[in-house]
Amino acid sequence: MTAKVEKMQRFWNRAAVFVYGVILPLACLIMALGDSIPYALFVFWFGFPYIEQMGMDHTRQKELRR
């Protein structure tokens, strides 16, 4: 792996920890307290692995073209 790809992988790992470790529990807490279900966040949570994969593929393709 090149340094740029490793840097992007660290970014996506941190983003995943933030989304699944901070935002998801907070949204569940808000829902438990009686607020409405955040449907947009559910789409993002289920789509996040695909977004991450596409971002990493894009970075790898850019590095191959260099």
PDB file of N, CA and C in Angstrom:
ATOM      1  N   MET A   1       0.832  -1.177   0.000  1.00  0.00           N
ATOM      2  CA  MET A   1       0.000   0.000   0.000  1.00  0.00           C
ATOM      3  C   MET A   1       0.876   1.238   0.000  1.00  0.00           C
ATOM      4  N   THR A   2       0.456   2.197  -0.765  1.00  0.00           N
ATOM      5  CA  THR A   2       1.192   3.456  -0.760  1.00  0.00           C
ATOM      6  C   THR A   2       0.775   4.285   0.455  1.00  0.00           C
ATOM      7  N   ALA A   3       1.522   5.315   0.707  1.00  0.00           N
ATOM      8  CA  ALA A   3       1.260   6.159   1.870  1.00  0.00           C
ATOM      9  C   ALA A   3      -0.104   6.844   1.754  1.00  0.00           C
ATOM     10  N   LYS A   4      -0.462   7.257   0.541  1.00  0.00           N
ATOM     11  CA  LYS A   4      -1.756   7.924   0.351  1.00  0.00           C
ATOM     12  C   LYS A   4      -2.914   6.965   0.613  1.00  0.00           C
ATOM     13  N   VAL A   5      -2.791   5.735   0.150  1.00  0.00           N
ATOM     14  CA  VAL A   5      -3.843   4.739   0.372  1.00  0.00           C
ATOM     15  C   VAL A   5      -3.956   4.419   1.863  1.00  0.00           C
ATOM     16  N   GLU A   6      -2.831   4.294   2.539  1.00  0.00           N
ATOM     17  CA  GLU A   6      -2.852   4.040   3.983  1.00  0.00           C
ATOM     18  C   GLU A   6      -3.507   5.199   4.733  1.00  0.00           C
ATOM     19  N   LYS A   7      -3.211   6.418   4.298  1.00  0.00           N
ATOM     20  CA  LYS A   7      -3.795   7.596   4.935  1.00  0.00           C
ATOM     21  C   LYS A   7      -5.310   7.608   4.760  1.00  0.00           C
ATOM     22  N   MET A   8      -5.781   7.287   3.559  1.00  0.00           N
ATOM     23  CA  MET A   8      -7.216   7.247   3.324  1.00  0.00           C
ATOM     24  C   MET A   8      -7.875   6.114   4.106  1.00  0.00           C
ATOM     25  N   GLN A   9      -7.192   4.988   4.240  1.00  0.00           N
ATOM     26  CA  GLN A   9      -7.746   3.879   5.016  1.00  0.00           C
ATOM     27  C   GLN A   9      -7.899   4.274   6.481  1.00  0.00           C
ATOM     28  N   ARG A  10      -6.913   4.992   7.016  1.00  0.00           N
ATOM     29  CA  ARG A  10      -7.034   5.495   8.393  1.00  0.00           C
ATOM     30  C   ARG A  10      -8.210   6.453   8.523  1.00  0.00           C
ATOM     31  N   PHE A  11      -8.390   7.321   7.520  1.00  0.00           N
ATOM     32  CA  PHE A  11      -9.518   8.244   7.535  1.00  0.00           C
ATOM     33  C   PHE A  11     -10.843   7.493   7.574  1.00  0.00           C
ATOM     34  N   TRP A  12     -10.997   6.496   6.706  1.00  0.00           N
ATOM     35  CA  TRP A  12     -12.258   5.749   6.663  1.00  0.00           C
ATOM     36  C   TRP A  12     -12.469   4.947   7.935  1.00  0.00           C
ATOM     37  N   ASN A  13     -11.399   4.436   8.527  1.00  0.00           N
ATOM     38  CA  ASN A  13     -11.538   3.719   9.796  1.00  0.00           C
ATOM     39  C   ASN A  13     -12.033   4.654  10.899  1.00  0.00           C
ATOM     40  N   ARG A  14     -11.469   5.850  10.951  1.00  0.00           N
ATOM     41  CA  ARG A  14     -11.908   6.823  11.956  1.00  0.00           C
ATOM     42  C   ARG A  14     -13.339   7.268  11.698  1.00  0.00           C
ATOM     43  N   ALA A  15     -13.692   7.453  10.430  1.00  0.00           N
ATOM     44  CA  ALA A  15     -15.065   7.847  10.095  1.00  0.00           C
ATOM     45  C   ALA A  15     -16.051   6.756  10.506  1.00  0.00           C
ATOM     46  N   ALA A  16     -15.674   5.491  10.305  1.00  0.00           N
ATOM     47  CA  ALA A  16     -16.549   4.385  10.697  1.00  0.00           C
ATOM     48  C   ALA A  16     -16.728   4.339  12.207  1.00  0.00           C
ATOM     49  N   VAL A  17     -15.651   4.548  12.952  1.00  0.00           N
ATOM     50  CA  VAL A  17     -15.757   4.566  14.414  1.00  0.00           C
ATOM     51  C   VAL A  17     -16.678   5.695  14.851  1.00  0.00           C
ATOM     52  N   PHE A  18     -16.564   6.847  14.224  1.00  0.00           N
ATOM     53  CA  PHE A  18     -17.412   7.976  14.578  1.00  0.00           C
ATOM     54  C   PHE A  18     -18.877   7.686  14.263  1.00  0.00           C
ATOM     55  N   VAL A  19     -19.135   7.158  13.069  1.00  0.00           N
ATOM     56  CA  VAL A  19     -20.522   6.911  12.664  1.00  0.00           C
ATOM     57  C   VAL A  19     -21.150   5.816  13.507  1.00  0.00           C
ATOM     58  N   TYR A  20     -20.457   4.685  13.619  1.00  0.00           N
ATOM     59  CA  TYR A  20     -21.053   3.547  14.307  1.00  0.00           C
ATOM     60  C   TYR A  20     -20.855   3.589  15.820  1.00  0.00           C
ATOM     61  N   GLY A  21     -19.889   4.321  16.305  1.00  0.00           N
ATOM     62  CA  GLY A  21     -19.625   4.360  17.732  1.00  0.00           C
ATOM     63  C   GLY A  21     -20.179   5.571  18.447  1.00  0.00           C
ATOM     64  N   VAL A  22     -20.455   6.644  17.702  1.00  0.00           N
ATOM     65  CA  VAL A  22     -20.948   7.865  18.326  1.00  0.00           C
ATOM     66  C   VAL A  22     -22.350   8.202  17.826  1.00  0.00           C
ATOM     67  N   ILE A  23     -22.499   8.333  16.528  1.00  0.00           N
ATOM     68  CA  ILE A  23     -23.767   8.773  15.958  1.00  0.00           C
ATOM     69  C   ILE A  23     -24.871   7.732  16.148  1.00  0.00           C
ATOM     70  N   LEU A  24     -24.584   6.473  15.883  1.00  0.00           N
ATOM     71  CA  LEU A  24     -25.601   5.426  16.017  1.00  0.00           C
ATOM     72  C   LEU A  24     -26.137   5.315  17.442  1.00  0.00           C
ATOM     73  N   PRO A  25     -25.284   5.236  18.465  1.00  0.00           N
ATOM     74  CA  PRO A  25     -25.836   5.181  19.822  1.00  0.00           C
ATOM     75  C   PRO A  25     -26.625   6.430  20.209  1.00  0.00           C
ATOM     76  N   LEU A  26     -26.168   7.608  19.762  1.00  0.00           N
ATOM     77  CA  LEU A  26     -26.913   8.832  20.057  1.00  0.00           C
ATOM     78  C   LEU A  26     -28.282   8.832  19.392  1.00  0.00           C
ATOM     79  N   ALA A  27     -28.338   8.373  18.163  1.00  0.00           N
ATOM     80  CA  ALA A  27     -29.621   8.312  17.470  1.00  0.00           C
ATOM     81  C   ALA A  27     -30.550   7.308  18.137  1.00  0.00           C
ATOM     82  N   CYS A  28     -30.003   6.181  18.583  1.00  0.00           N
ATOM     83  CA  CYS A  28     -30.826   5.191  19.299  1.00  0.00           C
ATOM     84  C   CYS A  28     -31.338   5.773  20.610  1.00  0.00           C
ATOM     85  N   LEU A  29     -30.508   6.541  21.298  1.00  0.00           N
ATOM     86  CA  LEU A  29     -30.933   7.180  22.537  1.00  0.00           C
ATOM     87  C   LEU A  29     -32.044   8.186  22.271  1.00  0.00           C
ATOM     88  N   ILE A  30     -31.896   8.964  21.232  1.00  0.00           N
ATOM     89  CA  ILE A  30     -32.920   9.948  20.882  1.00  0.00           C
ATOM     90  C   ILE A  30     -34.229   9.249  20.529  1.00  0.00           C
ATOM     91  N   MET A  31     -34.142   8.146  19.778  1.00  0.00           N
ATOM     92  CA  MET A  31     -35.353   7.395  19.445  1.00  0.00           C
ATOM     93  C   MET A  31     -35.994   6.822  20.703  1.00  0.00           C
ATOM     94  N   ALA A  32     -35.192   6.341  21.650  1.00  0.00           N
ATOM     95  CA  ALA A  32     -35.725   5.770  22.890  1.00  0.00           C
ATOM     96  C   ALA A  32     -36.420   6.834  23.734  1.00  0.00           C
ATOM     97  N   LEU A  33     -35.984   8.067  23.601  1.00  0.00           N
ATOM     98  CA  LEU A  33     -36.597   9.151  24.366  1.00  0.00           C
ATOM     99  C   LEU A  33     -37.880   9.663  23.730  1.00  0.00           C
ATOM    100  N   GLY A  34     -38.248   9.113  22.584  1.00  0.00           N
ATOM    101  CA  GLY A  34     -39.539   9.451  21.998  1.00  0.00           C
ATOM    102  C   GLY A  34     -39.509  10.286  20.745  1.00  0.00           C
ATOM    103  N   ASP A  35     -38.351  10.577  20.196  1.00  0.00           N
ATOM    104  CA  ASP A  35     -38.276  11.342  18.959  1.00  0.00           C
ATOM    105  C   ASP A  35     -38.572  10.421  17.771  1.00  0.00           C
ATOM    106  N   SER A  36     -38.667  10.993  16.597  1.00  0.00           N
ATOM    107  CA  SER A  36     -38.955  10.185  15.413  1.00  0.00           C
ATOM    108  C   SER A  36     -37.699   9.443  14.944  1.00  0.00           C
ATOM    109  N   ILE A  37     -37.911   8.448  14.124  1.00  0.00           N
ATOM    110  CA  ILE A  37     -36.816   7.625  13.605  1.00  0.00           C
ATOM    111  C   ILE A  37     -36.075   8.415  12.519  1.00  0.00           C
ATOM    112  N   PRO A  38     -34.756   8.544  12.603  1.00  0.00           N
ATOM    113  CA  PRO A  38     -33.982   9.274  11.585  1.00  0.00           C
ATOM    114  C   PRO A  38     -33.712   8.386  10.359  1.00  0.00           C
ATOM    115  N   TYR A  39     -34.646   8.364   9.432  1.00  0.00           N
ATOM    116  CA  TYR A  39     -34.540   7.477   8.276  1.00  0.00           C
ATOM    117  C   TYR A  39     -33.312   7.774   7.417  1.00  0.00           C
ATOM    118  N   ALA A  40     -32.958   9.027   7.279  1.00  0.00           N
ATOM    119  CA  ALA A  40     -31.777   9.378   6.478  1.00  0.00           C
ATOM    120  C   ALA A  40     -30.509   8.777   7.082  1.00  0.00           C
ATOM    121  N   LEU A  41     -30.421   8.739   8.403  1.00  0.00           N
ATOM    122  CA  LEU A  41     -29.249   8.144   9.038  1.00  0.00           C
ATOM    123  C   LEU A  41     -29.195   6.645   8.814  1.00  0.00           C
ATOM    124  N   PHE A  42     -30.353   5.985   8.795  1.00  0.00           N
ATOM    125  CA  PHE A  42     -30.366   4.553   8.521  1.00  0.00           C
ATOM    126  C   PHE A  42     -29.821   4.257   7.128  1.00  0.00           C
ATOM    127  N   VAL A  43     -30.209   5.062   6.169  1.00  0.00           N
ATOM    128  CA  VAL A  43     -29.697   4.889   4.800  1.00  0.00           C
ATOM    129  C   VAL A  43     -28.189   5.077   4.789  1.00  0.00           C
ATOM    130  N   PHE A  44     -27.707   6.093   5.496  1.00  0.00           N
ATOM    131  CA  PHE A  44     -26.270   6.356   5.540  1.00  0.00           C
ATOM    132  C   PHE A  44     -25.531   5.217   6.232  1.00  0.00           C
ATOM    133  N   TRP A  45     -26.083   4.696   7.339  1.00  0.00           N
ATOM    134  CA  TRP A  45     -25.405   3.618   8.068  1.00  0.00           C
ATOM    135  C   TRP A  45     -25.278   2.372   7.220  1.00  0.00           C
ATOM    136  N   PHE A  46     -26.345   2.039   6.479  1.00  0.00           N
ATOM    137  CA  PHE A  46     -26.285   0.842   5.643  1.00  0.00           C
ATOM    138  C   PHE A  46     -25.467   1.085   4.383  1.00  0.00           C
ATOM    139  N   GLY A  47     -25.412   2.324   3.930  1.00  0.00           N
ATOM    140  CA  GLY A  47     -24.654   2.642   2.730  1.00  0.00           C
ATOM    141  C   GLY A  47     -23.196   2.972   2.993  1.00  0.00           C
ATOM    142  N   PHE A  48     -22.823   3.190   4.250  1.00  0.00           N
ATOM    143  CA  PHE A  48     -21.460   3.604   4.581  1.00  0.00           C
ATOM    144  C   PHE A  48     -20.390   2.633   4.079  1.00  0.00           C
ATOM    145  N   PRO A  49     -20.552   1.315   4.237  1.00  0.00           N
ATOM    146  CA  PRO A  49     -19.509   0.419   3.711  1.00  0.00           C
ATOM    147  C   PRO A  49     -19.308   0.560   2.201  1.00  0.00           C
ATOM    148  N   TYR A  50     -20.392   0.812   1.472  1.00  0.00           N
ATOM    149  CA  TYR A  50     -20.271   0.988   0.025  1.00  0.00           C
ATOM    150  C   TYR A  50     -19.603   2.320  -0.310  1.00  0.00           C
ATOM    151  N   ILE A  51     -19.915   3.350   0.452  1.00  0.00           N
ATOM    152  CA  ILE A  51     -19.272   4.649   0.257  1.00  0.00           C
ATOM    153  C   ILE A  51     -17.774   4.527   0.530  1.00  0.00           C
ATOM    154  N   GLU A  52     -17.434   3.823   1.609  1.00  0.00           N
ATOM    155  CA  GLU A  52     -16.025   3.619   1.950  1.00  0.00           C
ATOM    156  C   GLU A  52     -15.302   2.844   0.846  1.00  0.00           C
ATOM    157  N   GLN A  53     -15.927   1.787   0.355  1.00  0.00           N
ATOM    158  CA  GLN A  53     -15.306   0.964  -0.689  1.00  0.00           C
ATOM    159  C   GLN A  53     -15.077   1.778  -1.960  1.00  0.00           C
ATOM    160  N   MET A  54     -16.057   2.583  -2.345  1.00  0.00           N
ATOM    161  CA  MET A  54     -15.904   3.400  -3.550  1.00  0.00           C
ATOM    162  C   MET A  54     -14.805   4.438  -3.367  1.00  0.00           C
ATOM    163  N   GLY A  55     -14.700   5.026  -2.187  1.00  0.00           N
ATOM    164  CA  GLY A  55     -13.640   5.991  -1.920  1.00  0.00           C
ATOM    165  C   GLY A  55     -12.260   5.357  -1.982  1.00  0.00           C
ATOM    166  N   MET A  56     -12.134   4.157  -1.423  1.00  0.00           N
ATOM    167  CA  MET A  56     -10.842   3.470  -1.465  1.00  0.00           C
ATOM    168  C   MET A  56     -10.504   3.039  -2.890  1.00  0.00           C
ATOM    169  N   ASP A  57     -11.488   2.565  -3.637  1.00  0.00           N
ATOM    170  CA  ASP A  57     -11.239   2.195  -5.033  1.00  0.00           C
ATOM    171  C   ASP A  57     -10.785   3.404  -5.842  1.00  0.00           C
ATOM    172  N   HIS A  58     -11.417   4.545  -5.603  1.00  0.00           N
ATOM    173  CA  HIS A  58     -11.037   5.773  -6.308  1.00  0.00           C
ATOM    174  C   HIS A  58      -9.594   6.158  -5.976  1.00  0.00           C
ATOM    175  N   THR A  59      -9.230   6.077  -4.706  1.00  0.00           N
ATOM    176  CA  THR A  59      -7.863   6.413  -4.290  1.00  0.00           C
ATOM    177  C   THR A  59      -6.856   5.449  -4.913  1.00  0.00           C
ATOM    178  N   ARG A  60      -7.172   4.176  -4.926  1.00  0.00           N
ATOM    179  CA  ARG A  60      -6.261   3.190  -5.522  1.00  0.00           C
ATOM    180  C   ARG A  60      -6.094   3.434  -7.016  1.00  0.00           C
ATOM    181  N   GLN A  61      -7.192   3.755  -7.709  1.00  0.00           N
ATOM    182  CA  GLN A  61      -7.106   4.027  -9.141  1.00  0.00           C
ATOM    183  C   GLN A  61      -6.245   5.257  -9.415  1.00  0.00           C
ATOM    184  N   LYS A  62      -6.383   6.289  -8.588  1.00  0.00           N
ATOM    185  CA  LYS A  62      -5.562   7.486  -8.758  1.00  0.00           C
ATOM    186  C   LYS A  62      -4.097   7.160  -8.564  1.00  0.00           C
ATOM    187  N   GLU A  63      -3.795   6.308  -7.580  1.00  0.00           N
ATOM    188  CA  GLU A  63      -2.403   5.937  -7.323  1.00  0.00           C
ATOM    189  C   GLU A  63      -1.833   5.077  -8.454  1.00  0.00           C
ATOM    190  N   LEU A  64      -2.657   4.250  -9.067  1.00  0.00           N
ATOM    191  CA  LEU A  64      -2.185   3.430 -10.185  1.00  0.00           C
ATOM    192  C   LEU A  64      -1.879   4.278 -11.415  1.00  0.00           C
ATOM    193  N   ARG A  65      -2.645   5.355 -11.600  1.00  0.00           N
ATOM    194  CA  ARG A  65      -2.420   6.235 -12.752  1.00  0.00           C
ATOM    195  C   ARG A  65      -1.170   7.071 -12.596  1.00  0.00           C
ATOM    196  N   ARG A  66      -0.698   7.247 -11.368  1.00  0.00           N
ATOM    197  CA  ARG A  66       0.496   8.059 -11.123  1.00  0.00           C
ATOM    198  C   ARG A  66       1.716   7.412 -11.649  1.00  0.00           C
TER     199      ARG A  66
END
